[in-house]
């Protein structure tokens, strides 16, 4: 709480003292100018321009615009999406991955490979915004003690009821899908997991995914793009990674496994960094979202389909 209050006080590089009478009233208890300053500083990272001040101050004063609506308009602006720096590459990549998850096809029976969300029993797919109702979603992940210590948790989940449907947990390697019948699943999602197994094991994983998916079923997969991560550093970006793919490598592997690639998108555009020959984390973090030029993005993302 102290951190949030401190952030609200820091605008234009100087502290703004809050009178005691305003401390617990939130933004609605502040003057229109102060609300405008705070929203612009925290969301657009700049001072209000004269046009913005003229557009919004009167509405904030007469109540026709709420501070929440002003913040929503700022986030929906082209400036926020394309110009405003994003504080942290990891957070930006997570934001882009949520956009990708929301673009996945609907499925009634779903497998999520490696889909634990630490601290949230609904699982990563639901937490990241998958929008469609399902009959059964199974999260497959390693037992906690077999994971990197960063991803360990004290609670083993069984079944969690969500607004979209039940989420069940099975703790075993994603390499072994022998408990799941042929042609029984509509959608498999592999988010940031295929890079954690060796190349030959990845072929086994994809073959098993192909087996359990129904004809016409889909695989959604996202993973780091080696063309960009090798620009970032010589070593793998995570010591637990076994292989970081280029678009050419992974697209060929997916086709050999029997998938048709329906969509190939890149997440977080790194074109300027690649053109300069030097990785710029601020540039890549700011260029968030989904892009057609997959080879020039930090993450590779595919929606694949089983023929039939």
Foldseek 3Di string as FASTA:
>chain_A
DVVVVQLLQQFPNDGDDDPPVQPPVPPLSDQLLSLQRSLCCVQQVHGDDPVRCVVRRVCSVVVVADSVNVNVVSCVDPCSQFPRWDPDLVVLLLLQVLVVLCVADDWQEEEEEQFADPPDPVTNSVVSPNDAAHAEYEYEEAQQVPDDVVPHDDDDDAWDQDPRYIYGYDHDHLLDPVVAAFQATQEYEYEAHLQLDAPVSSLSSLLVVLGRHHAFGKYKYKHFACVQVCLVDVDHPDPSGNDGHHPVVVVVSNVVSQWDWPAKWAFQFQVVCVVVSHGDSRNSSSNGYIHRPRRRHGMIITMIGHHD
